[in-house]
Amino acid sequence: MSLQDDLTAVRRNLDELTRSVERLERQAAHRPPAGGGSAPPDPSGMVTIPDTPYDSSLWTDSDDEGLGARDRRAP
C-alpha cells in the first residue's frame, strides 16, 4: 500500500468519524437531559459505609485479585 493509499484511507476514516459524531450530536439534541429533572434520590435507600478498618480475618485464605494465590507462582 502506498503513502497516497494510506492518506486516502485516513481521510475516508476521518470523514466517517466526523459523520458519526455529527449524527450522535443530533441524536443527543433530541433526548431529554440526563436525570430528567427528577427528584433527588431517596436517602432511606442509601447505605453508609464506615471509615473504620475491616476486620483482617475477613481476608484470610483469600487470593489477591488478579495476582493469584499467595503460595503459588505465576507461570
N, C-alpha and C. Protein backbone atom coordinates (compact mmCIF):
# COMPACT_ATOMS: atom_id res chain seq x y z
N MET A 1 0.85 -1.17 0.00
CA MET A 1 0.00 0.00 0.00
C MET A 1 0.90 1.24 0.00
N SER A 2 0.59 2.17 -0.87
CA SER A 2 1.42 3.36 -1.00
C SER A 2 1.01 4.42 0.03
N LEU A 3 1.84 5.41 0.16
CA LEU A 3 1.55 6.52 1.06
C LEU A 3 0.26 7.21 0.66
N GLN A 4 0.04 7.38 -0.64
CA GLN A 4 -1.18 8.02 -1.12
C GLN A 4 -2.41 7.20 -0.73
N ASP A 5 -2.31 5.87 -0.84
CA ASP A 5 -3.41 4.99 -0.44
C ASP A 5 -3.68 5.12 1.06
N ASP A 6 -2.62 5.18 1.85
CA ASP A 6 -2.77 5.35 3.30
C ASP A 6 -3.47 6.66 3.62
N LEU A 7 -3.06 7.75 2.97
CA LEU A 7 -3.68 9.06 3.21
C LEU A 7 -5.14 9.06 2.81
N THR A 8 -5.45 8.41 1.70
CA THR A 8 -6.84 8.32 1.25
C THR A 8 -7.68 7.56 2.27
N ALA A 9 -7.14 6.46 2.80
CA ALA A 9 -7.86 5.67 3.81
C ALA A 9 -8.05 6.48 5.09
N VAL A 10 -7.04 7.25 5.49
CA VAL A 10 -7.15 8.08 6.70
C VAL A 10 -8.22 9.13 6.50
N ARG A 11 -8.23 9.79 5.34
CA ARG A 11 -9.26 10.81 5.07
C ARG A 11 -10.66 10.20 5.09
N ARG A 12 -10.79 9.03 4.49
CA ARG A 12 -12.10 8.35 4.46
C ARG A 12 -12.55 8.01 5.89
N ASN A 13 -11.63 7.50 6.71
CA ASN A 13 -11.98 7.17 8.09
C ASN A 13 -12.30 8.42 8.89
N LEU A 14 -11.57 9.50 8.67
CA LEU A 14 -11.84 10.75 9.37
C LEU A 14 -13.19 11.32 8.97
N ASP A 15 -13.53 11.24 7.68
CA ASP A 15 -14.84 11.70 7.23
C ASP A 15 -15.96 10.88 7.88
N GLU A 16 -15.77 9.57 7.95
CA GLU A 16 -16.77 8.71 8.58
C GLU A 16 -16.90 9.03 10.06
N LEU A 17 -15.79 9.28 10.74
CA LEU A 17 -15.83 9.65 12.15
C LEU A 17 -16.58 10.97 12.33
N THR A 18 -16.31 11.94 11.47
CA THR A 18 -16.99 13.22 11.55
C THR A 18 -18.49 13.05 11.37
N ARG A 19 -18.90 12.24 10.39
CA ARG A 19 -20.33 11.99 10.18
C ARG A 19 -20.95 11.30 11.39
N SER A 20 -20.24 10.36 11.99
CA SER A 20 -20.76 9.65 13.17
C SER A 20 -20.93 10.59 14.36
N VAL A 21 -19.97 11.47 14.56
CA VAL A 21 -20.06 12.42 15.67
C VAL A 21 -21.22 13.39 15.45
N GLU A 22 -21.37 13.86 14.23
CA GLU A 22 -22.49 14.76 13.93
C GLU A 22 -23.83 14.07 14.15
N ARG A 23 -23.92 12.78 13.75
CA ARG A 23 -25.15 12.02 13.96
C ARG A 23 -25.44 11.86 15.45
N LEU A 24 -24.40 11.57 16.25
CA LEU A 24 -24.58 11.44 17.69
C LEU A 24 -25.00 12.76 18.32
N GLU A 25 -24.43 13.86 17.84
CA GLU A 25 -24.82 15.17 18.38
C GLU A 25 -26.28 15.48 18.07
N ARG A 26 -26.74 15.14 16.88
CA ARG A 26 -28.15 15.36 16.54
C ARG A 26 -29.05 14.50 17.41
N GLN A 27 -28.66 13.24 17.64
CA GLN A 27 -29.46 12.35 18.48
C GLN A 27 -29.49 12.87 19.92
N ALA A 28 -28.36 13.35 20.41
CA ALA A 28 -28.29 13.85 21.79
C ALA A 28 -29.14 15.11 21.96
N ALA A 29 -29.25 15.91 20.90
CA ALA A 29 -30.04 17.14 20.99
C ALA A 29 -31.52 16.84 21.15
N HIS A 30 -31.96 15.68 20.70
CA HIS A 30 -33.37 15.33 20.77
C HIS A 30 -33.73 14.55 22.04
N ARG A 31 -32.75 14.25 22.86
CA ARG A 31 -33.02 13.49 24.09
C ARG A 31 -33.20 14.43 25.26
N PRO A 32 -34.04 14.01 26.23
CA PRO A 32 -34.17 14.84 27.43
C PRO A 32 -32.86 14.81 28.22
N PRO A 33 -32.60 15.83 29.02
CA PRO A 33 -31.36 15.87 29.80
C PRO A 33 -31.29 14.68 30.76
N ALA A 34 -30.06 14.26 31.05
CA ALA A 34 -29.85 13.15 32.00
C ALA A 34 -30.44 13.53 33.34
N GLY A 35 -31.08 12.61 33.98
CA GLY A 35 -31.73 12.88 35.26
C GLY A 35 -33.17 13.30 35.06
N GLY A 36 -33.46 13.87 33.90
CA GLY A 36 -34.83 14.22 33.56
C GLY A 36 -35.51 15.15 34.54
N GLY A 37 -34.76 15.89 35.34
CA GLY A 37 -35.39 16.81 36.29
C GLY A 37 -36.11 16.06 37.40
N SER A 38 -35.73 14.83 37.64
CA SER A 38 -36.42 14.04 38.66
C SER A 38 -36.01 14.49 40.06
N ALA A 39 -36.73 14.00 41.03
CA ALA A 39 -36.46 14.33 42.43
C ALA A 39 -35.12 13.73 42.86
N PRO A 40 -34.49 14.30 43.89
CA PRO A 40 -33.24 13.73 44.39
C PRO A 40 -33.47 12.31 44.92
N PRO A 41 -32.41 11.50 44.98
CA PRO A 41 -32.58 10.12 45.45
C PRO A 41 -33.09 10.06 46.88
N ASP A 42 -33.81 9.00 47.16
CA ASP A 42 -34.37 8.79 48.49
C ASP A 42 -33.26 8.35 49.44
N PRO A 43 -32.94 9.15 50.47
CA PRO A 43 -31.83 8.79 51.37
C PRO A 43 -32.07 7.52 52.16
N SER A 44 -33.32 7.06 52.28
CA SER A 44 -33.57 5.84 53.04
C SER A 44 -32.99 4.61 52.32
N GLY A 45 -32.73 4.71 51.02
CA GLY A 45 -32.17 3.59 50.28
C GLY A 45 -30.65 3.61 50.24
N MET A 46 -30.04 4.64 50.82
CA MET A 46 -28.58 4.75 50.81
C MET A 46 -27.98 3.97 51.97
N VAL A 47 -26.80 3.44 51.74
CA VAL A 47 -26.10 2.66 52.75
C VAL A 47 -24.86 3.43 53.17
N THR A 48 -24.67 3.62 54.46
CA THR A 48 -23.49 4.30 54.97
C THR A 48 -22.37 3.29 55.14
N ILE A 49 -21.21 3.61 54.60
CA ILE A 49 -20.05 2.73 54.72
C ILE A 49 -19.11 3.36 55.73
N PRO A 50 -18.81 2.65 56.81
CA PRO A 50 -17.98 3.23 57.86
C PRO A 50 -16.52 3.41 57.41
N ASP A 51 -15.84 4.37 58.05
CA ASP A 51 -14.43 4.62 57.75
C ASP A 51 -13.50 3.72 58.56
N THR A 52 -14.05 2.97 59.49
CA THR A 52 -13.20 2.12 60.32
C THR A 52 -12.65 0.97 59.50
N PRO A 53 -11.44 0.50 59.82
CA PRO A 53 -10.85 -0.61 59.06
C PRO A 53 -11.66 -1.90 59.22
N TYR A 54 -11.63 -2.71 58.15
CA TYR A 54 -12.28 -4.00 58.21
C TYR A 54 -11.48 -4.95 59.08
N ASP A 55 -12.16 -5.95 59.61
CA ASP A 55 -11.51 -7.00 60.37
C ASP A 55 -10.62 -7.80 59.42
N SER A 56 -9.33 -7.90 59.72
CA SER A 56 -8.39 -8.59 58.81
C SER A 56 -8.72 -10.07 58.65
N SER A 57 -9.48 -10.65 59.57
CA SER A 57 -9.84 -12.07 59.43
C SER A 57 -10.77 -12.29 58.23
N LEU A 58 -11.37 -11.21 57.72
CA LEU A 58 -12.22 -11.35 56.53
C LEU A 58 -11.40 -11.77 55.31
N TRP A 59 -10.12 -11.44 55.31
CA TRP A 59 -9.28 -11.69 54.15
C TRP A 59 -8.44 -12.95 54.28
N THR A 60 -8.62 -13.72 55.33
CA THR A 60 -7.88 -14.97 55.50
C THR A 60 -8.26 -15.93 54.37
N ASP A 61 -7.27 -16.60 53.82
CA ASP A 61 -7.46 -17.57 52.74
C ASP A 61 -8.01 -16.95 51.45
N SER A 62 -7.81 -15.68 51.25
CA SER A 62 -8.28 -15.06 50.01
C SER A 62 -7.11 -14.88 49.04
N ASP A 63 -7.42 -14.84 47.77
CA ASP A 63 -6.42 -14.59 46.74
C ASP A 63 -6.37 -13.10 46.47
N ASP A 64 -5.19 -12.61 46.10
CA ASP A 64 -5.08 -11.23 45.67
C ASP A 64 -5.65 -11.14 44.27
N GLU A 65 -6.65 -10.30 44.10
CA GLU A 65 -7.34 -10.22 42.82
C GLU A 65 -6.36 -9.90 41.70
N GLY A 66 -6.37 -10.72 40.70
CA GLY A 66 -5.51 -10.53 39.55
C GLY A 66 -4.10 -11.05 39.74
N LEU A 67 -3.72 -11.40 40.96
CA LEU A 67 -2.37 -11.88 41.21
C LEU A 67 -2.31 -13.36 41.53
N GLY A 68 -3.46 -13.95 41.83
CA GLY A 68 -3.49 -15.37 42.14
C GLY A 68 -3.25 -15.64 43.62
N ALA A 69 -3.11 -16.88 43.93
CA ALA A 69 -2.93 -17.29 45.32
C ALA A 69 -1.54 -16.91 45.81
N ARG A 70 -1.41 -16.68 47.09
CA ARG A 70 -0.15 -16.22 47.68
C ARG A 70 0.94 -17.30 47.67
N ASP A 71 0.54 -18.56 47.74
CA ASP A 71 1.53 -19.63 47.85
C ASP A 71 1.90 -20.24 46.50
N ARG A 72 1.43 -19.65 45.40
CA ARG A 72 1.74 -20.16 44.06
C ARG A 72 2.40 -19.08 43.23
N ARG A 73 3.22 -19.52 42.29
CA ARG A 73 3.89 -18.60 41.38
C ARG A 73 3.16 -18.51 40.05
N ALA A 74 3.26 -17.38 39.41
CA ALA A 74 2.67 -17.22 38.07
C ALA A 74 3.54 -18.02 37.08
N PRO A 75 2.93 -18.52 36.04
CA PRO A 75 3.70 -19.30 35.06
C PRO A 75 4.73 -18.46 34.34
